[in-house]
Amino acid sequence: MCSNDTKHVQTELSEDEYELFREFAMEHGLSVKEAGHEALIGWVERQQRADPNDRAFTVLDELEADSLPDRAQTDARGEDDLVDEWHGSDESFTLADDPSTQS
């Protein structure tokens, strides 16, 4: 069905891409046309929600590469804010949500 207020969009896929898309559409009970429409609309909606200027996307760019250590160098045993007191004891403990202790 074609009306004057609709536009057609066309793209190219490799044979493998097309088969993957066709199979995915069929698995979801959609025609290739329906799946293509949903994919395009979904992509536009996701792009509108993502703000490329959001700090979450730019914070790493702001860090200078040489300001980051090559690897983390911390030892929780010596960090007062991570451990109240540690005496090197090897006393065993069990986490409350450890599935192996549940019967």
Protein backbone atom coordinates (compact mmCIF):
# COMPACT_ATOMS: atom_id res chain seq x y z
CA MET A 1 0.00 0.00 0.00
CA CYS A 2 1.46 3.30 -1.08
CA SER A 3 0.16 6.74 -0.26
CA ASN A 4 1.37 10.21 -1.11
CA ASP A 5 2.48 10.84 2.47
CA THR A 6 4.91 7.93 2.68
CA LYS A 7 8.48 7.80 1.47
CA HIS A 8 10.56 4.79 0.50
CA VAL A 9 14.02 4.23 1.96
CA GLN A 10 16.51 1.90 0.36
CA THR A 11 19.83 0.48 1.50
CA GLU A 12 22.28 -2.21 0.50
CA LEU A 13 23.30 -5.24 2.53
CA SER A 14 25.76 -7.98 1.80
CA GLU A 15 24.29 -11.43 1.26
CA ASP A 16 25.30 -12.45 4.81
CA GLU A 17 23.89 -9.27 6.35
CA TYR A 18 20.61 -9.74 4.47
CA GLU A 19 20.26 -13.36 5.56
CA LEU A 20 20.99 -12.45 9.17
CA PHE A 21 18.41 -9.63 9.03
CA ARG A 22 15.80 -11.78 7.23
CA GLU A 23 16.19 -14.64 9.73
CA PHE A 24 15.98 -12.26 12.68
CA ALA A 25 12.82 -10.69 11.25
CA MET A 26 11.23 -14.10 10.70
CA GLU A 27 12.11 -15.21 14.25
CA HIS A 28 10.24 -12.15 15.51
CA GLY A 29 7.22 -12.67 13.26
CA LEU A 30 8.02 -9.70 11.03
CA SER A 31 8.45 -9.23 7.33
CA VAL A 32 11.75 -7.76 6.15
CA LYS A 33 9.88 -4.52 5.43
CA GLU A 34 8.37 -4.38 8.94
CA ALA A 35 11.68 -5.22 10.58
CA GLY A 36 13.46 -2.57 8.51
CA HIS A 37 10.90 0.03 9.54
CA GLU A 38 11.24 -0.87 13.23
CA ALA A 39 15.04 -0.85 12.97
CA LEU A 40 15.13 2.60 11.37
CA ILE A 41 12.66 4.17 13.79
CA GLY A 42 14.44 2.57 16.76
CA TRP A 43 17.81 3.88 15.57
CA VAL A 44 16.46 7.43 15.23
CA GLU A 45 14.90 7.29 18.71
CA ARG A 46 18.17 6.04 20.26
CA GLN A 47 20.15 8.78 18.52
CA GLN A 48 17.77 11.44 19.81
CA ARG A 49 18.19 10.17 23.39
CA ALA A 50 22.01 10.09 23.31
CA ASP A 51 23.57 13.50 23.83
CA PRO A 52 27.11 13.39 22.42
CA ASN A 53 28.02 16.32 24.69
CA ASP A 54 27.01 14.37 27.80
CA ARG A 55 29.96 14.22 30.17
CA ALA A 56 29.72 10.41 30.17
CA PHE A 57 30.90 10.49 26.55
CA THR A 58 33.58 13.16 26.94
CA VAL A 59 35.22 12.57 30.33
CA LEU A 60 37.82 10.12 29.01
CA ASP A 61 38.77 12.49 26.20
CA GLU A 62 39.46 15.16 28.82
CA LEU A 63 42.01 13.02 30.66
CA GLU A 64 45.57 13.21 29.48
CA ALA A 65 46.93 9.79 28.55
CA ASP A 66 50.01 10.24 30.71
CA SER A 67 47.93 11.17 33.76
CA LEU A 68 46.69 7.60 34.08
CA PRO A 69 48.90 4.93 35.66
CA ASP A 70 49.92 1.94 33.56
CA ARG A 71 48.19 -0.30 36.09
CA ALA A 72 46.38 0.09 39.36
CA GLN A 73 48.69 0.03 42.34
CA THR A 74 46.62 -0.32 45.48
CA ASP A 75 46.54 -2.80 48.30
CA ALA A 76 43.27 -2.87 50.22
CA ARG A 77 45.10 -4.10 53.32
CA GLY A 78 46.83 -0.78 53.61
CA GLU A 79 43.92 1.48 52.69
CA ASP A 80 42.25 2.82 55.85
CA ASP A 81 39.14 3.86 53.94
CA LEU A 82 38.69 0.32 52.56
CA VAL A 83 39.50 -1.78 55.61
CA ASP A 84 38.91 -0.85 59.23
CA GLU A 85 41.49 -3.23 60.61
CA TRP A 86 43.41 -6.14 59.10
CA HIS A 87 45.92 -8.25 60.94
CA GLY A 88 46.86 -10.68 58.21
CA SER A 89 44.55 -13.34 59.58
CA ASP A 90 43.58 -16.09 57.17
CA GLU A 91 40.39 -16.81 59.10
CA SER A 92 37.84 -18.17 56.67
CA PHE A 93 34.57 -16.41 56.03
CA THR A 94 31.45 -16.98 53.97
CA LEU A 95 29.55 -14.31 52.09
CA ALA A 96 25.89 -14.04 53.07
CA ASP A 97 24.73 -14.66 49.52
CA ASP A 98 27.15 -17.48 48.74
CA PRO A 99 24.96 -20.06 46.92
CA SER A 100 27.15 -22.96 48.02
CA THR A 101 26.05 -22.46 51.64
CA GLN A 102 22.34 -22.55 50.84
CA SER A 103 20.50 -25.82 51.10
